[in-house]
N, C-alpha and C. Protein backbone atom coordinates (compact mmCIF):
# COMPACT_ATOMS: atom_id res chain seq x y z
N MET A 1 0.82 -1.19 0.00
CA MET A 1 0.00 0.00 0.00
C MET A 1 0.86 1.26 0.00
N LEU A 2 2.00 1.25 0.71
CA LEU A 2 2.86 2.42 0.77
C LEU A 2 3.38 2.79 -0.61
N LYS A 3 3.71 1.78 -1.44
CA LYS A 3 4.22 2.07 -2.78
C LYS A 3 3.18 2.85 -3.58
N TYR A 4 1.92 2.46 -3.51
CA TYR A 4 0.86 3.16 -4.23
C TYR A 4 0.74 4.59 -3.73
N GLU A 5 0.82 4.77 -2.41
CA GLU A 5 0.73 6.12 -1.83
C GLU A 5 1.90 6.97 -2.31
N LEU A 6 3.11 6.39 -2.32
CA LEU A 6 4.27 7.14 -2.80
C LEU A 6 4.15 7.46 -4.28
N ASP A 7 3.60 6.55 -5.06
CA ASP A 7 3.39 6.82 -6.49
C ASP A 7 2.51 8.05 -6.66
N ARG A 8 1.43 8.11 -5.89
CA ARG A 8 0.52 9.26 -6.00
C ARG A 8 1.20 10.54 -5.51
N THR A 9 2.01 10.42 -4.46
CA THR A 9 2.72 11.59 -3.94
C THR A 9 3.69 12.14 -4.96
N PHE A 10 4.53 11.28 -5.53
CA PHE A 10 5.51 11.74 -6.51
C PHE A 10 4.84 12.22 -7.78
N ALA A 11 3.75 11.59 -8.18
CA ALA A 11 3.02 12.05 -9.36
C ALA A 11 2.44 13.45 -9.11
N ALA A 12 1.93 13.67 -7.91
CA ALA A 12 1.38 15.00 -7.58
C ALA A 12 2.48 16.05 -7.58
N LEU A 13 3.65 15.70 -7.06
CA LEU A 13 4.75 16.65 -6.98
C LEU A 13 5.48 16.85 -8.31
N ALA A 14 5.15 16.05 -9.31
CA ALA A 14 5.81 16.17 -10.61
C ALA A 14 5.40 17.44 -11.34
N ASP A 15 4.29 18.02 -10.95
CA ASP A 15 3.78 19.21 -11.63
C ASP A 15 4.27 20.48 -10.92
N PRO A 16 4.83 21.44 -11.67
CA PRO A 16 5.35 22.66 -11.02
C PRO A 16 4.28 23.50 -10.33
N THR A 17 3.07 23.51 -10.83
CA THR A 17 2.00 24.26 -10.18
C THR A 17 1.69 23.65 -8.82
N ARG A 18 1.62 22.33 -8.77
CA ARG A 18 1.32 21.67 -7.49
C ARG A 18 2.48 21.84 -6.51
N ARG A 19 3.72 21.84 -7.01
CA ARG A 19 4.85 22.09 -6.11
C ARG A 19 4.77 23.50 -5.54
N ALA A 20 4.35 24.46 -6.38
CA ALA A 20 4.19 25.85 -5.90
C ALA A 20 3.11 25.92 -4.83
N LEU A 21 2.04 25.19 -5.01
CA LEU A 21 0.98 25.16 -4.00
C LEU A 21 1.49 24.56 -2.69
N VAL A 22 2.25 23.49 -2.79
CA VAL A 22 2.82 22.87 -1.59
C VAL A 22 3.77 23.84 -0.90
N GLU A 23 4.62 24.50 -1.69
CA GLU A 23 5.54 25.49 -1.12
C GLU A 23 4.78 26.56 -0.34
N ARG A 24 3.70 27.04 -0.90
CA ARG A 24 2.90 28.05 -0.21
C ARG A 24 2.29 27.50 1.06
N LEU A 25 1.77 26.28 0.99
CA LEU A 25 1.11 25.69 2.16
C LEU A 25 2.08 25.31 3.27
N VAL A 26 3.34 25.13 2.95
CA VAL A 26 4.34 24.86 3.98
C VAL A 26 4.43 26.07 4.93
N GLN A 27 4.12 27.25 4.42
CA GLN A 27 4.16 28.47 5.23
C GLN A 27 2.97 28.55 6.19
N GLY A 28 1.90 27.81 5.89
CA GLY A 28 0.72 27.81 6.75
C GLY A 28 -0.54 27.63 5.94
N PRO A 29 -1.67 27.39 6.61
CA PRO A 29 -2.94 27.17 5.91
C PRO A 29 -3.32 28.38 5.06
N ALA A 30 -4.08 28.10 4.00
CA ALA A 30 -4.55 29.17 3.11
C ALA A 30 -5.87 28.75 2.49
N THR A 31 -6.67 29.73 2.14
CA THR A 31 -7.92 29.44 1.45
C THR A 31 -7.62 29.12 -0.01
N VAL A 32 -8.57 28.48 -0.65
CA VAL A 32 -8.41 28.15 -2.07
C VAL A 32 -8.21 29.43 -2.88
N SER A 33 -8.95 30.47 -2.57
CA SER A 33 -8.80 31.75 -3.29
C SER A 33 -7.40 32.33 -3.11
N GLU A 34 -6.87 32.27 -1.90
CA GLU A 34 -5.51 32.77 -1.66
C GLU A 34 -4.48 31.97 -2.44
N LEU A 35 -4.69 30.66 -2.50
CA LEU A 35 -3.75 29.81 -3.23
C LEU A 35 -3.82 30.04 -4.74
N ALA A 36 -5.02 30.27 -5.24
CA ALA A 36 -5.21 30.42 -6.68
C ALA A 36 -4.79 31.80 -7.19
N ARG A 37 -4.88 32.82 -6.35
CA ARG A 37 -4.65 34.20 -6.78
C ARG A 37 -3.35 34.40 -7.57
N PRO A 38 -2.20 33.92 -7.11
CA PRO A 38 -0.96 34.19 -7.86
C PRO A 38 -0.75 33.28 -9.08
N LEU A 39 -1.59 32.29 -9.25
CA LEU A 39 -1.40 31.34 -10.34
C LEU A 39 -1.95 31.89 -11.66
N PRO A 40 -1.27 31.59 -12.76
CA PRO A 40 -1.73 32.07 -14.08
C PRO A 40 -2.79 31.15 -14.68
N MET A 41 -3.86 30.92 -13.91
CA MET A 41 -4.92 30.03 -14.37
C MET A 41 -6.21 30.39 -13.66
N SER A 42 -7.28 29.79 -14.12
CA SER A 42 -8.59 30.05 -13.51
C SER A 42 -8.69 29.36 -12.15
N LEU A 43 -9.65 29.81 -11.37
CA LEU A 43 -9.91 29.20 -10.07
C LEU A 43 -10.27 27.71 -10.22
N PRO A 44 -11.13 27.33 -11.19
CA PRO A 44 -11.43 25.90 -11.34
C PRO A 44 -10.18 25.06 -11.68
N ALA A 45 -9.28 25.61 -12.47
CA ALA A 45 -8.05 24.89 -12.81
C ALA A 45 -7.19 24.70 -11.56
N ALA A 46 -7.08 25.75 -10.75
CA ALA A 46 -6.32 25.64 -9.50
C ALA A 46 -6.95 24.61 -8.57
N MET A 47 -8.27 24.58 -8.55
CA MET A 47 -8.97 23.61 -7.70
C MET A 47 -8.69 22.18 -8.14
N LEU A 48 -8.53 21.96 -9.44
CA LEU A 48 -8.18 20.62 -9.91
C LEU A 48 -6.80 20.21 -9.40
N HIS A 49 -5.86 21.15 -9.40
CA HIS A 49 -4.53 20.85 -8.86
C HIS A 49 -4.62 20.54 -7.37
N LEU A 50 -5.42 21.29 -6.64
CA LEU A 50 -5.59 21.02 -5.22
C LEU A 50 -6.23 19.67 -4.98
N LYS A 51 -7.14 19.27 -5.85
CA LYS A 51 -7.78 17.95 -5.74
C LYS A 51 -6.74 16.84 -5.87
N VAL A 52 -5.82 17.00 -6.83
CA VAL A 52 -4.75 16.00 -6.99
C VAL A 52 -3.90 15.93 -5.73
N LEU A 53 -3.58 17.10 -5.16
CA LEU A 53 -2.79 17.12 -3.93
C LEU A 53 -3.54 16.47 -2.77
N GLU A 54 -4.84 16.70 -2.70
CA GLU A 54 -5.64 16.05 -1.65
C GLU A 54 -5.71 14.55 -1.86
N ASP A 55 -5.93 14.13 -3.10
CA ASP A 55 -5.99 12.69 -3.39
C ASP A 55 -4.68 11.98 -3.08
N SER A 56 -3.57 12.71 -3.19
CA SER A 56 -2.26 12.12 -2.90
C SER A 56 -1.98 12.06 -1.41
N GLY A 57 -2.76 12.77 -0.61
CA GLY A 57 -2.54 12.80 0.83
C GLY A 57 -1.61 13.91 1.28
N LEU A 58 -1.13 14.73 0.35
CA LEU A 58 -0.23 15.82 0.72
C LEU A 58 -0.95 17.00 1.35
N VAL A 59 -2.21 17.19 0.99
CA VAL A 59 -2.98 18.35 1.44
C VAL A 59 -4.32 17.88 1.98
N THR A 60 -4.77 18.54 3.03
CA THR A 60 -6.12 18.33 3.53
C THR A 60 -6.85 19.67 3.44
N SER A 61 -8.17 19.60 3.41
CA SER A 61 -8.93 20.85 3.38
C SER A 61 -10.17 20.70 4.25
N GLN A 62 -10.66 21.86 4.66
CA GLN A 62 -11.86 21.91 5.48
C GLN A 62 -12.71 23.06 4.97
N LYS A 63 -13.98 22.79 4.80
CA LYS A 63 -14.90 23.82 4.31
C LYS A 63 -15.75 24.32 5.47
N VAL A 64 -15.73 25.63 5.65
CA VAL A 64 -16.57 26.28 6.65
C VAL A 64 -17.37 27.33 5.90
N GLY A 65 -18.67 27.10 5.80
CA GLY A 65 -19.51 27.99 4.99
C GLY A 65 -19.11 27.87 3.52
N ARG A 66 -18.76 28.99 2.94
CA ARG A 66 -18.34 28.99 1.53
C ARG A 66 -16.83 29.00 1.36
N VAL A 67 -16.09 28.95 2.46
CA VAL A 67 -14.64 29.07 2.40
C VAL A 67 -13.99 27.71 2.67
N ARG A 68 -13.15 27.29 1.74
CA ARG A 68 -12.38 26.05 1.90
C ARG A 68 -10.94 26.43 2.22
N THR A 69 -10.45 25.93 3.35
CA THR A 69 -9.08 26.20 3.78
C THR A 69 -8.26 24.93 3.63
N CYS A 70 -7.09 25.08 3.04
CA CYS A 70 -6.19 23.94 2.80
C CYS A 70 -4.98 24.04 3.72
N ARG A 71 -4.45 22.87 4.04
CA ARG A 71 -3.22 22.82 4.84
C ARG A 71 -2.43 21.59 4.43
N ILE A 72 -1.14 21.64 4.67
CA ILE A 72 -0.24 20.52 4.38
C ILE A 72 -0.49 19.41 5.38
N ASP A 73 -0.44 18.17 4.91
CA ASP A 73 -0.44 17.01 5.79
C ASP A 73 0.99 16.46 5.74
N PRO A 74 1.79 16.67 6.76
CA PRO A 74 3.21 16.32 6.71
C PRO A 74 3.49 14.83 6.61
N LYS A 75 2.50 13.98 6.85
CA LYS A 75 2.74 12.53 6.85
C LYS A 75 3.28 12.04 5.51
N MET A 76 2.64 12.43 4.42
CA MET A 76 3.09 11.94 3.11
C MET A 76 4.42 12.57 2.71
N LEU A 77 4.64 13.82 3.05
CA LEU A 77 5.94 14.43 2.77
C LEU A 77 7.04 13.69 3.53
N SER A 78 6.77 13.31 4.76
CA SER A 78 7.75 12.57 5.56
C SER A 78 8.04 11.20 4.95
N GLN A 79 7.00 10.53 4.47
CA GLN A 79 7.20 9.22 3.85
C GLN A 79 8.03 9.34 2.57
N ALA A 80 7.76 10.36 1.77
CA ALA A 80 8.54 10.57 0.55
C ALA A 80 9.98 10.91 0.89
N GLU A 81 10.17 11.75 1.89
CA GLU A 81 11.53 12.10 2.33
C GLU A 81 12.28 10.86 2.82
N HIS A 82 11.61 10.01 3.55
CA HIS A 82 12.22 8.77 4.05
C HIS A 82 12.64 7.88 2.88
N TRP A 83 11.77 7.73 1.89
CA TRP A 83 12.07 6.90 0.72
C TRP A 83 13.30 7.43 -0.02
N VAL A 84 13.34 8.74 -0.25
CA VAL A 84 14.48 9.35 -0.94
C VAL A 84 15.74 9.18 -0.10
N GLY A 85 15.62 9.38 1.21
CA GLY A 85 16.77 9.24 2.09
C GLY A 85 17.38 7.85 2.07
N GLU A 86 16.53 6.84 2.02
CA GLU A 86 17.05 5.46 1.93
C GLU A 86 17.84 5.25 0.66
N ARG A 87 17.34 5.77 -0.46
CA ARG A 87 18.05 5.62 -1.72
C ARG A 87 19.35 6.40 -1.71
N ARG A 88 19.36 7.58 -1.08
CA ARG A 88 20.57 8.39 -0.98
C ARG A 88 21.64 7.62 -0.21
N GLN A 89 21.26 7.00 0.90
CA GLN A 89 22.21 6.22 1.69
C GLN A 89 22.78 5.07 0.88
N MET A 90 21.92 4.40 0.11
CA MET A 90 22.39 3.29 -0.72
C MET A 90 23.44 3.77 -1.72
N TRP A 91 23.17 4.89 -2.39
CA TRP A 91 24.12 5.41 -3.38
C TRP A 91 25.40 5.90 -2.72
N GLU A 92 25.29 6.51 -1.54
CA GLU A 92 26.49 6.97 -0.84
C GLU A 92 27.38 5.80 -0.45
N ARG A 93 26.77 4.70 0.00
CA ARG A 93 27.56 3.51 0.34
C ARG A 93 28.25 2.95 -0.91
N SER A 94 27.52 2.91 -2.02
CA SER A 94 28.10 2.41 -3.27
C SER A 94 29.25 3.29 -3.73
N LEU A 95 29.07 4.58 -3.64
CA LEU A 95 30.14 5.50 -4.06
C LEU A 95 31.33 5.44 -3.12
N ASP A 96 31.07 5.23 -1.84
CA ASP A 96 32.17 5.05 -0.89
C ASP A 96 32.99 3.81 -1.22
N ARG A 97 32.30 2.70 -1.55
CA ARG A 97 33.00 1.47 -1.93
C ARG A 97 33.80 1.68 -3.21
N LEU A 98 33.23 2.39 -4.17
CA LEU A 98 33.93 2.67 -5.42
C LEU A 98 35.16 3.52 -5.14
N GLY A 99 35.02 4.53 -4.29
CA GLY A 99 36.17 5.38 -3.95
C GLY A 99 37.27 4.58 -3.28
N ALA A 100 36.90 3.69 -2.37
CA ALA A 100 37.89 2.86 -1.69
C ALA A 100 38.59 1.94 -2.68
N PHE A 101 37.82 1.38 -3.60
CA PHE A 101 38.40 0.50 -4.62
C PHE A 101 39.39 1.27 -5.50
N LEU A 102 39.00 2.47 -5.93
CA LEU A 102 39.88 3.26 -6.78
C LEU A 102 41.13 3.69 -6.03
N ASP A 103 40.98 4.05 -4.75
CA ASP A 103 42.16 4.40 -3.94
C ASP A 103 43.10 3.22 -3.82
N GLN A 104 42.53 2.04 -3.60
CA GLN A 104 43.35 0.84 -3.46
C GLN A 104 44.03 0.51 -4.79
N SER A 105 43.31 0.64 -5.90
CA SER A 105 43.90 0.36 -7.22
C SER A 105 45.03 1.34 -7.53
N GLU A 106 44.83 2.60 -7.16
CA GLU A 106 45.85 3.62 -7.40
C GLU A 106 47.10 3.35 -6.56
N ALA A 107 46.90 2.90 -5.32
CA ALA A 107 48.02 2.62 -4.44
C ALA A 107 48.83 1.42 -4.93
N GLN A 108 48.19 0.48 -5.60
CA GLN A 108 48.86 -0.70 -6.12
C GLN A 108 49.62 -0.42 -7.40
N SER A 109 49.30 0.68 -8.05
CA SER A 109 49.95 0.99 -9.33
C SER A 109 51.30 1.60 -9.15
């Protein structure tokens, strides 16, 4: 199940508009209108991007009256960060082994 969730998270973050929305929401909650205002698109288009972010688990929203307020849900960001961190550690270990091998080969020459 985690793989599917991460797929949706990375797919949502693949779009620059959605990354901009996430960047804004990291600063704190905002209404849909506040989030859409700086974007070069219509309000309905911005709402579609927010829907993708909500479906991915990155963003939650609450409607009070006619105002919908969005906020970041750090759980999915943390899971994505953890996944990337594991891969980074794997590559660092591989590069460390390669460096040691090259140092040893150079010393033998």
